[in-house]
Protein backbone atom coordinates (compact mmCIF):
# COMPACT_ATOMS: atom_id res chain seq x y z
CA MET A 1 -39.21 32.24 -38.51
CA LEU A 2 -40.88 31.13 -35.28
CA SER A 3 -37.85 29.27 -33.92
CA PHE A 4 -35.65 32.36 -34.47
CA GLN A 5 -38.10 34.54 -32.55
CA LYS A 6 -38.35 32.07 -29.68
CA LYS A 7 -34.57 31.76 -29.49
CA LYS A 8 -34.33 35.53 -29.06
CA GLU A 9 -36.90 35.38 -26.26
CA LEU A 10 -35.02 32.55 -24.54
CA LYS A 11 -31.72 34.39 -24.94
CA LYS A 12 -33.22 37.38 -23.14
CA ALA A 13 -34.74 35.19 -20.42
CA ILE A 14 -31.39 33.64 -19.40
CA THR A 15 -29.40 36.89 -19.44
CA ALA A 16 -27.23 37.27 -16.31
CA LYS A 17 -28.60 34.02 -14.83
CA GLY A 18 -26.52 31.16 -13.51
CA VAL A 19 -27.10 28.15 -15.78
CA HIS A 20 -26.22 24.46 -15.82
CA ILE A 21 -25.38 22.84 -19.16
CA LYS A 22 -26.23 19.22 -20.03
CA LEU A 23 -25.03 17.51 -23.20
CA ASP A 24 -24.87 14.10 -24.86
CA GLY A 25 -24.68 12.49 -28.30
CA CYS A 26 -26.60 9.79 -30.18
CA SER A 27 -27.14 8.41 -33.67
CA ARG A 28 -30.31 8.01 -35.72
CA HIS A 29 -30.53 6.50 -39.23
CA ASN A 30 -26.72 6.42 -39.36
CA ILE A 31 -26.52 10.16 -38.66
CA ARG A 32 -24.83 11.41 -35.50
CA TYR A 33 -26.56 14.05 -33.38
CA PHE A 34 -25.45 16.11 -30.44
CA GLY A 35 -27.91 17.65 -27.98
CA LEU A 36 -27.57 20.39 -25.38
CA ASN A 37 -29.99 21.43 -22.63
CA ILE A 38 -29.70 24.06 -19.95
CA GLN A 39 -31.27 24.13 -16.51
CA TYR A 40 -31.78 27.30 -14.50
CA CYS A 41 -34.16 29.00 -12.08
CA ASP A 42 -36.78 31.50 -13.18
CA GLY A 43 -38.19 32.85 -9.95
CA ASP A 44 -38.86 29.78 -7.82
CA GLN A 45 -39.36 27.50 -10.82
CA ILE A 46 -36.64 25.24 -12.25
CA LYS A 47 -36.66 25.51 -16.04
CA ILE A 48 -35.24 22.97 -18.50
CA LYS A 49 -34.73 24.30 -22.02
CA THR A 50 -33.40 22.66 -25.17
CA LEU A 51 -30.88 24.89 -26.94
CA ALA A 52 -29.55 22.64 -29.67
CA MET A 53 -29.97 19.26 -31.35
CA ARG A 54 -27.37 19.39 -34.12
CA SER A 55 -26.74 16.91 -36.87
CA THR A 56 -23.04 16.04 -36.85
CA GLU A 57 -23.03 13.84 -39.93
CA HIS A 58 -19.57 14.97 -41.01
CA HIS A 59 -18.05 15.24 -37.52
CA ALA A 60 -17.02 12.54 -35.10
CA HIS A 61 -17.86 13.25 -31.47
CA THR A 62 -14.28 13.99 -30.49
CA SER A 63 -13.30 16.15 -27.54
CA ASP A 64 -12.36 18.99 -29.92
CA TYR A 65 -15.76 18.87 -31.60
CA ILE A 66 -17.55 18.83 -28.24
CA LYS A 67 -15.63 21.94 -27.19
CA ARG A 68 -16.47 23.78 -30.43
CA PHE A 69 -20.11 22.68 -30.26
CA VAL A 70 -20.65 24.01 -26.73
CA GLU A 71 -18.83 27.26 -27.52
CA GLY A 72 -21.02 27.79 -30.59
CA VAL A 73 -24.27 27.24 -28.69
CA MET A 74 -23.12 29.55 -25.90
CA ARG A 75 -22.37 32.32 -28.43
CA GLU A 76 -25.71 31.79 -30.18
CA PHE A 77 -27.67 32.27 -26.95
CA GLY A 78 -25.40 34.89 -25.41
CA ILE A 79 -24.32 32.70 -22.50
CA ALA A 80 -21.15 34.16 -21.01
CA PRO A 81 -18.63 31.74 -19.49
CA VAL A 82 -19.17 33.37 -16.08
CA GLN A 83 -22.83 32.27 -16.16
CA VAL A 84 -21.97 28.55 -16.33
CA LEU A 85 -22.16 26.96 -12.89
CA SER A 86 -21.82 23.33 -14.04
CA VAL A 87 -21.54 21.11 -17.10
CA VAL A 88 -23.20 17.69 -16.79
CA THR A 89 -22.12 14.80 -19.04
CA ASP A 90 -21.76 11.04 -18.88
CA ASN A 91 -18.47 9.35 -18.03
CA ALA A 92 -17.29 8.81 -21.62
CA SER A 93 -13.65 9.77 -22.17
CA ASN A 94 -14.48 12.14 -25.05
CA MET A 95 -16.96 14.00 -22.83
CA VAL A 96 -14.50 14.31 -19.96
CA ALA A 97 -11.75 15.53 -22.29
CA GLY A 98 -14.13 17.87 -24.14
CA VAL A 99 -15.26 19.61 -20.95
CA LYS A 100 -11.64 19.94 -19.84
CA LYS A 101 -10.68 21.57 -23.13
CA LEU A 102 -13.72 23.81 -22.94
CA GLY A 103 -12.55 25.04 -19.54
CA GLU A 104 -9.06 25.70 -20.84
CA GLU A 105 -10.37 27.54 -23.91
CA LEU A 106 -12.72 29.77 -21.93
CA GLU A 107 -10.08 30.32 -19.24
CA LEU A 108 -12.34 28.62 -16.76
CA ASP A 109 -11.34 26.05 -14.19
CA MET A 110 -13.58 23.07 -14.86
CA VAL A 111 -12.54 20.50 -12.32
CA GLU A 112 -14.34 17.74 -10.50
CA ILE A 113 -12.58 17.07 -7.22
CA ASP A 114 -11.42 19.50 -4.52
CA CYS A 115 -12.43 22.46 -6.68
CA GLU A 116 -12.33 25.90 -5.09
CA PHE A 117 -14.38 28.81 -6.34
CA ASN A 118 -12.54 31.86 -7.60
CA THR A 119 -14.97 34.69 -8.09
CA ASP A 120 -12.39 36.70 -10.03
CA ASN A 121 -12.48 33.99 -12.70
CA MET A 122 -15.73 32.06 -12.33
CA PHE A 123 -15.88 28.50 -13.54
CA GLY A 124 -18.34 25.70 -14.01
CA THR A 125 -17.65 22.37 -12.35
CA HIS A 126 -17.87 19.17 -14.38
CA MET A 127 -20.68 17.04 -12.96
CA ARG A 128 -20.75 13.43 -14.10
CA CYS A 129 -24.24 12.07 -14.71
CA ALA A 130 -25.38 10.18 -11.60
CA ALA A 131 -27.64 7.84 -13.59
CA HIS A 132 -24.75 6.83 -15.84
CA SER A 133 -22.44 6.47 -12.84
CA LEU A 134 -24.99 4.14 -11.26
CA GLN A 135 -25.02 1.88 -14.31
CA LEU A 136 -21.22 1.74 -14.26
CA ALA A 137 -21.35 0.83 -10.56
CA VAL A 138 -23.75 -2.04 -11.36
CA LYS A 139 -21.40 -3.30 -14.09
CA ASP A 140 -18.43 -3.05 -11.71
CA ALA A 141 -20.28 -5.06 -9.05
CA LEU A 142 -21.51 -7.78 -11.44
CA ARG A 143 -17.97 -8.24 -12.71
CA ALA A 144 -16.46 -8.26 -9.22
CA ALA A 145 -19.04 -10.81 -7.99
CA ASN A 146 -18.32 -13.14 -10.96
CA CYS A 147 -21.93 -12.96 -12.17
CA ASN A 148 -21.16 -12.88 -15.90
CA ALA A 149 -21.33 -16.68 -16.30
CA ILE A 150 -24.86 -17.01 -14.90
CA LEU A 151 -25.95 -13.91 -16.83
CA ASP A 152 -24.69 -15.46 -20.07
CA LYS A 153 -26.77 -18.57 -19.40
CA ALA A 154 -29.81 -16.42 -18.69
CA ARG A 155 -29.29 -14.57 -21.99
CA ARG A 156 -29.04 -17.83 -23.93
CA LEU A 157 -32.35 -18.94 -22.44
CA VAL A 158 -33.94 -15.61 -23.36
CA ILE A 159 -32.64 -15.82 -26.93
CA ALA A 160 -34.04 -19.34 -27.24
CA ALA A 161 -37.38 -18.13 -25.90
CA ARG A 162 -37.59 -15.24 -28.36
CA THR A 163 -37.86 -17.45 -31.45
CA PRO A 164 -41.11 -17.08 -33.45
CA SER A 165 -42.41 -20.52 -32.46
CA VAL A 166 -41.96 -19.95 -28.72
CA ILE A 167 -43.32 -16.40 -28.91
CA ASN A 168 -46.48 -17.67 -30.61
CA LEU A 169 -46.92 -20.26 -27.86
CA LEU A 170 -46.47 -17.57 -25.21
CA LYS A 171 -49.06 -15.38 -26.92
CA GLY A 172 -51.48 -18.29 -26.94
CA LEU A 173 -50.94 -18.69 -23.21
CA LYS A 174 -51.32 -14.89 -22.77
CA LYS A 175 -47.83 -14.63 -21.32
CA PRO A 176 -45.48 -11.65 -21.78
CA MET A 177 -42.46 -11.88 -24.06
CA PRO A 178 -38.99 -12.46 -22.50
CA ILE A 179 -36.80 -9.36 -22.25
CA LYS A 180 -33.17 -9.33 -23.37
CA ASP A 181 -30.86 -6.87 -21.69
CA VAL A 182 -29.35 -4.06 -23.77
CA PRO A 183 -26.05 -2.52 -22.59
CA THR A 184 -27.13 1.02 -23.46
CA ARG A 185 -30.51 0.78 -21.73
CA TRP A 186 -30.52 1.33 -18.00
CA GLY A 187 -31.93 -1.40 -15.77
CA THR A 188 -32.46 -4.01 -18.48
CA VAL A 189 -30.40 -6.65 -16.65
CA PHE A 190 -32.88 -6.53 -13.77
CA GLN A 191 -35.85 -6.53 -16.17
CA MET A 192 -34.46 -9.57 -18.01
CA LEU A 193 -34.00 -11.56 -14.79
CA GLU A 194 -37.37 -10.52 -13.37
CA ARG A 195 -39.24 -11.56 -16.53
CA LEU A 196 -37.27 -14.80 -16.74
CA ILE A 197 -38.31 -15.77 -13.21
CA GLU A 198 -41.91 -14.85 -14.02
CA LEU A 199 -41.87 -17.19 -17.05
CA LYS A 200 -39.87 -20.00 -15.40
CA GLU A 201 -42.65 -22.61 -15.24
CA THR A 202 -43.74 -21.80 -18.81
CA LEU A 203 -40.31 -21.71 -20.49
CA VAL A 204 -38.81 -24.89 -19.02
CA PRO A 205 -40.92 -27.30 -21.17
CA LEU A 206 -40.80 -25.03 -24.25
CA THR A 207 -37.03 -24.57 -24.69
CA ASP A 208 -33.94 -26.75 -24.81
CA ALA A 209 -31.75 -24.20 -23.03
CA SER A 210 -32.70 -25.29 -19.53
CA LEU A 211 -31.15 -24.20 -16.24
CA THR A 212 -30.48 -26.21 -13.11
CA GLU A 213 -32.27 -25.44 -9.86
CA ASP A 214 -29.07 -23.98 -8.42
CA GLU A 215 -28.80 -21.66 -11.42
CA TRP A 216 -32.43 -20.57 -11.01
CA MET A 217 -31.70 -19.84 -7.34
CA ALA A 218 -28.66 -17.80 -8.37
CA ILE A 219 -30.82 -15.79 -10.78
CA GLU A 220 -33.35 -15.18 -7.99
CA VAL A 221 -30.58 -13.87 -5.70
CA LEU A 222 -29.25 -11.63 -8.49
CA LYS A 223 -32.68 -10.20 -9.12
CA THR A 224 -33.33 -9.51 -5.44
CA SER A 225 -29.92 -7.86 -5.01
CA LEU A 226 -30.52 -5.57 -8.01
CA VAL A 227 -33.87 -4.24 -6.74
CA PRO A 228 -32.42 -1.18 -4.87
CA THR A 229 -30.27 -0.05 -7.80
CA TYR A 230 -33.11 -0.59 -10.28
CA LYS A 231 -35.48 1.53 -8.20
CA LEU A 232 -32.77 4.16 -7.77
CA GLY A 233 -32.27 4.25 -11.54
CA LEU A 234 -35.97 5.00 -12.00
CA ASP A 235 -35.93 7.69 -9.31
CA LEU A 236 -32.92 9.40 -10.89
CA GLN A 237 -34.97 10.00 -14.04
CA SER A 238 -37.35 12.32 -12.19
CA LYS A 239 -37.70 15.86 -13.58
CA ASP A 240 -37.97 17.24 -10.05
CA LEU A 241 -34.66 15.82 -8.84
CA THR A 242 -32.69 18.30 -6.71
CA PRO A 243 -29.19 17.87 -5.23
CA GLY A 244 -30.69 17.17 -1.80
CA SER A 245 -33.22 14.58 -2.96
CA PHE A 246 -30.55 12.92 -5.12
CA PHE A 247 -28.22 12.71 -2.11
CA ALA A 248 -30.97 11.07 -0.04
CA LEU A 249 -31.86 8.57 -2.79
CA TRP A 250 -28.23 7.54 -3.34
CA ARG A 251 -27.50 7.13 0.36
CA GLY A 252 -30.82 5.33 0.91
CA ALA A 253 -30.05 2.79 -1.82
CA MET A 254 -26.61 2.10 -0.33
CA ARG A 255 -28.16 1.57 3.09
CA HIS A 256 -30.70 -0.86 1.64
CA LEU A 257 -27.92 -2.80 -0.08
CA ASP A 258 -25.92 -3.03 3.14
CA GLU A 259 -28.98 -4.47 4.89
CA CYS A 260 -29.59 -7.09 2.17
CA GLY A 261 -26.41 -8.90 3.10
CA SER A 262 -25.88 -10.91 -0.12
CA ALA A 263 -22.44 -10.95 -1.72
CA LEU A 264 -23.67 -9.01 -4.77
CA SER A 265 -25.39 -6.44 -2.54
CA LEU A 266 -22.13 -5.74 -0.75
CA PHE A 267 -20.27 -5.44 -4.06
CA LEU A 268 -22.97 -3.04 -5.31
CA SER A 269 -22.73 -0.91 -2.17
CA ASP A 270 -18.94 -0.76 -2.46
CA ALA A 271 -19.12 0.16 -6.16
CA MET A 272 -21.68 2.90 -5.45
CA ARG A 273 -19.49 4.24 -2.66
CA ARG A 274 -16.50 4.51 -5.01
CA ARG A 275 -18.50 6.10 -7.84
CA GLY A 276 -20.30 8.34 -5.36
CA SER A 277 -17.01 9.66 -3.97
CA VAL A 278 -16.47 11.39 -7.33
CA LEU A 279 -20.04 12.70 -7.53
CA PHE A 280 -20.07 14.11 -4.01
CA SER A 281 -16.70 15.80 -4.40
CA ASN A 282 -18.39 18.33 -6.67
CA ASN A 283 -18.55 21.57 -4.69
CA VAL A 284 -21.58 23.01 -6.49
CA LEU A 285 -23.48 19.79 -5.75
CA LEU A 286 -22.43 20.09 -2.10
CA ALA A 287 -23.68 23.69 -2.09
CA GLY A 288 -27.02 22.47 -3.45
CA ILE A 289 -27.30 19.92 -0.63
CA TYR A 290 -26.09 22.46 1.93
CA VAL A 291 -28.92 24.94 1.23
CA ASP A 292 -31.53 22.18 1.70
CA PRO A 293 -32.24 21.83 5.45
CA ASN A 294 -33.92 18.48 4.82
CA TYR A 295 -30.59 16.85 3.93
CA ARG A 296 -27.85 19.20 5.18
CA LEU A 297 -27.48 17.22 8.41
CA ALA A 298 -26.37 14.13 6.42
CA LEU A 299 -23.23 15.92 5.18
CA ASN A 300 -19.99 15.41 7.06
CA PRO A 301 -18.18 18.49 8.49
CA GLU A 302 -15.78 18.78 5.55
CA GLN A 303 -18.65 18.60 3.03
CA VAL A 304 -20.53 21.27 5.00
CA ARG A 305 -17.46 23.52 4.93
CA LYS A 306 -17.00 23.14 1.17
CA GLY A 307 -20.71 23.57 0.49
CA ARG A 308 -20.88 26.68 2.66
CA GLU A 309 -17.83 28.32 1.07
CA THR A 310 -19.02 27.52 -2.43
CA PHE A 311 -22.50 28.87 -1.73
CA ILE A 312 -21.14 32.15 -0.34
CA ASN A 313 -18.90 32.57 -3.39
CA ILE A 314 -21.82 31.92 -5.73
CA CYS A 315 -23.86 34.56 -3.87
CA VAL A 316 -21.10 37.11 -4.46
CA HIS A 317 -20.67 36.06 -8.06
CA LEU A 318 -24.36 36.29 -8.99
CA GLN A 319 -24.54 39.74 -7.39
CA LYS A 320 -21.67 40.79 -9.65
CA LEU A 321 -23.48 39.44 -12.69
CA LYS A 322 -26.55 41.50 -11.82
CA LYS A 323 -24.51 44.65 -11.32
CA GLU A 324 -22.64 44.20 -14.60
CA GLN A 325 -25.90 43.56 -16.43
CA HIS A 326 -27.37 46.74 -14.93
CA ILE A 327 -24.37 48.72 -16.14
CA ARG A 328 -24.71 47.27 -19.65
CA ASN A 329 -28.39 48.14 -19.71
CA THR A 330 -27.64 51.75 -18.85
CA SER A 331 -27.64 53.86 -21.99
CA SER A 332 -24.34 55.36 -23.10
CA THR A 333 -25.85 58.84 -22.84
CA GLU A 334 -26.70 58.35 -19.17
CA VAL A 335 -23.21 57.04 -18.47
CA VAL A 336 -21.60 60.04 -20.16
CA VAL A 337 -23.84 62.48 -18.27
CA GLU A 338 -23.08 60.77 -14.97
CA LEU A 339 -19.36 60.79 -15.60
CA TYR A 340 -19.42 64.41 -16.71
CA SER A 341 -21.43 65.57 -13.69
CA SER A 342 -19.05 63.80 -11.31
CA SER A 343 -15.89 65.13 -12.96
CA VAL A 344 -13.62 67.72 -11.36
CA ASP A 345 -14.65 71.29 -11.95
CA SER A 346 -12.52 72.96 -14.64
CA SER A 347 -11.70 75.84 -12.30
CA GLN A 348 -9.88 73.46 -9.93
CA ASP A 349 -6.20 72.64 -10.16
CA LEU A 350 -6.04 69.52 -12.34
CA PHE A 351 -2.60 68.64 -10.96
CA ALA A 352 -3.64 68.83 -7.30
CA THR A 353 -2.97 65.60 -5.38
CA THR A 354 -6.13 66.00 -3.27
CA PRO A 355 -9.44 67.63 -4.10
CA PRO A 356 -10.03 70.96 -2.38
CA ILE A 357 -12.23 70.86 0.72
CA THR A 358 -15.11 73.25 0.23
CA SER A 359 -17.33 74.60 2.91
CA GLY A 360 -19.80 72.02 4.20
CA THR A 361 -17.48 69.05 3.41
CA VAL A 362 -16.87 66.80 6.42
CA VAL A 363 -13.94 64.41 6.35
CA ASP A 364 -15.29 61.24 8.06
CA PHE A 365 -12.36 59.26 9.48
CA GLU A 366 -14.56 56.17 9.84
CA ASP A 367 -15.35 56.23 6.09
CA PHE A 368 -11.64 56.60 5.39
CA LEU A 369 -10.89 53.49 7.45
CA ASP A 370 -13.66 51.57 5.64
CA ARG A 371 -12.06 52.41 2.30
CA GLU A 372 -8.65 51.32 3.54
CA GLN A 373 -10.11 48.02 4.75
CA ARG A 374 -11.70 47.34 1.37
CA GLN A 375 -8.38 47.98 -0.37
CA LEU A 376 -6.55 45.60 1.96
CA CYS A 377 -9.08 42.77 1.89
CA GLY A 378 -10.43 43.18 -1.63
CA PRO A 379 -14.06 43.82 -2.53
CA ASP A 380 -14.97 40.12 -2.64
CA GLU A 381 -13.93 39.54 0.97
CA VAL A 382 -15.97 42.51 2.11
CA GLU A 383 -19.02 41.24 0.21
CA LYS A 384 -18.55 37.73 1.59
CA SER A 385 -18.36 39.01 5.15
CA ALA A 386 -21.60 40.92 4.57
CA ILE A 387 -23.33 37.69 3.46
CA VAL A 388 -22.19 35.54 6.40
CA PRO A 389 -24.84 36.81 8.87
CA TYR A 390 -27.60 35.89 6.40
CA VAL A 391 -26.03 32.45 5.93
CA CYS A 392 -26.21 31.94 9.71
CA VAL A 393 -29.93 32.73 9.54
CA MET A 394 -30.32 30.16 6.74
CA GLU A 395 -28.52 27.52 8.81
CA SER A 396 -31.07 28.00 11.60
CA PHE A 397 -33.76 26.38 9.42
CA ARG A 398 -34.40 22.78 10.40
CA ARG A 399 -35.61 19.69 8.57
CA GLU A 400 -39.38 19.81 8.06
CA ARG A 401 -39.91 17.56 4.99
CA ILE A 402 -41.24 20.35 2.80
CA PRO A 403 -40.00 21.12 -0.73
CA VAL A 404 -36.70 22.98 -0.74
CA MET A 405 -38.04 25.72 -3.03
CA ASP A 406 -40.72 26.52 -0.44
CA VAL A 407 -38.02 26.72 2.24
CA ILE A 408 -35.86 29.02 0.09
CA ASN A 409 -38.78 31.46 -0.20
CA ASN A 410 -38.36 32.06 3.55
CA TYR A 411 -34.59 32.58 3.40
CA PRO A 412 -33.14 36.12 3.57
CA CYS A 413 -33.70 37.77 0.20
CA GLN A 414 -29.93 38.27 -0.19
CA LEU A 415 -29.52 34.48 -0.47
CA GLN A 416 -32.58 33.37 -2.41
CA GLU A 417 -31.22 33.73 -5.96
CA ALA A 418 -28.01 31.83 -5.21
CA ALA A 419 -29.89 29.16 -3.23
CA ARG A 420 -32.23 28.58 -6.18
CA ALA A 421 -29.28 28.53 -8.62
CA VAL A 422 -27.45 25.73 -6.78
CA THR A 423 -30.71 23.86 -6.19
CA ALA A 424 -31.23 23.86 -9.98
CA LEU A 425 -28.05 21.79 -10.45
CA PRO A 426 -29.10 18.66 -12.38
CA PRO A 427 -27.46 15.51 -10.94
CA THR A 428 -28.14 13.76 -14.27
CA GLN A 429 -28.41 14.63 -17.98
CA VAL A 430 -31.54 12.50 -18.39
CA SER A 431 -33.39 15.40 -20.07
CA VAL A 432 -30.99 15.09 -23.02
CA GLU A 433 -31.88 11.39 -23.24
CA ARG A 434 -35.54 12.43 -23.45
CA LEU A 435 -34.56 14.75 -26.29
CA PHE A 436 -33.20 11.72 -28.15
CA SER A 437 -36.55 9.99 -27.65
CA SER A 438 -38.23 13.00 -29.25
CA LEU A 439 -35.76 12.72 -32.13
CA LYS A 440 -37.05 9.19 -32.85
CA LEU A 441 -40.58 10.58 -33.22
CA VAL A 442 -39.42 13.30 -35.63
CA VAL A 443 -36.82 11.47 -37.74
CA THR A 444 -38.82 8.35 -38.58
CA ASP A 445 -38.26 5.77 -41.30
CA SER A 446 -40.57 7.75 -43.60
CA ARG A 447 -38.87 11.07 -42.74
CA SER A 448 -35.25 10.01 -42.57
CA SER A 449 -34.22 12.70 -45.10
CA LEU A 450 -35.55 15.58 -43.04
CA GLY A 451 -33.14 18.52 -43.19
CA PRO A 452 -30.94 19.12 -40.12
CA ASP A 453 -32.06 22.75 -39.65
CA LEU A 454 -35.74 21.82 -39.83
CA THR A 455 -35.19 18.89 -37.46
CA GLU A 456 -33.50 21.14 -34.91
CA SER A 457 -36.24 23.79 -35.20
CA ILE A 458 -38.99 21.20 -34.63
CA LEU A 459 -37.21 19.78 -31.59
CA PHE A 460 -36.41 23.23 -30.19
CA LEU A 461 -40.02 24.36 -30.39
CA GLY A 462 -41.58 21.07 -29.31
CA ASN A 463 -39.32 20.32 -26.35
CA ASN A 464 -39.50 23.88 -25.03
CA GLY A 465 -43.29 23.85 -24.98
CA TYR A 466 -43.81 26.42 -27.74
CA LYS A 467 -47.00 26.06 -29.76
CA VAL A 468 -46.37 25.87 -33.50
């Protein structure tokens, strides 16, 4: 089967690579689905691959199910827990609890705030989707600014304008149809208000649900205040979003809101600051911003420290993954031969405390001291200290407004793989949302009984760019 063959190829391609997992759930034709994407670097290219789109008709999306689902997909594609650098989800309580249980089950340490890397027991940090966090910030601000009353009036006017008779009149006048906001669709509050203002002169004589001039002015202020967050929401859906560019977009939107000066703008800025404090406490995200010289200077000293430490630890960890993979790839025959050739000669005293010094053997006291130092400090500390000089070279790069991947190509080769791995961190799980859009094109009204295995195979092949 083609999908089986391509899964084997993908499994091989992600071996010993640091990966970021993205997951979310949806429903289609009263059937629940759960999707999982991964994001990783292949050379200097960021790859997004769909691993699963499972029908969960008989399973509620509980935290226990989410844990089992992710574990199953990881086993299927041979993803070891030590390869997972981050898990990106929305802010739903079942997602948060599921990732926490996943970390406990895999003996990882999946935390969100003040997390410290432990290269003896690698973990993936839980990254909350920035796009979803933005929408929650908008809701927080609208509630805090007491905007719900005027929004309800705007909705009533939209509902009245979406009746067949009014729609036919609008078509005759070649006017667009009013938009009603949908809680699960990002940015629809702004779209509703913008379209309402556009149709103001047309709708007033056509509907009974009229608004006063003060209420129209309030709607205009709301729309203007929501412009920065609406544009940010669109930008966060970019496929090329990196931690550095995300950091700049988020901070830029907050600055724009502060300059607007309206009450709602200030509430929006404050809500984004509170939601952003969680996002920017993620150490892997900070490492991704830290390696980008275009945006590193915007980090505060504590964020730079955490980003630097995390990046160095990831460098050490990925080097370990490569070494372990090399050992596994070595044939058992070669290992046995190597061990046998390096064993003590049978003529020597097997119970001797020290090997005999033969002619030509020089006892180097400096080498002895190096071994003692490694035993005292541990191998990780020695490897970290060896990386620090290269990190200092990386920090000498300055902002030049060129893509971060092009900058990384000029970094010391000892840092390039880790720098690309943290740059591949997805600030959002928007790619899973796109997978749901693909699901709508596959499971249509006329194909609602399509088998779950066939559905997943079609989506796996189609979304990963494989030709059927």
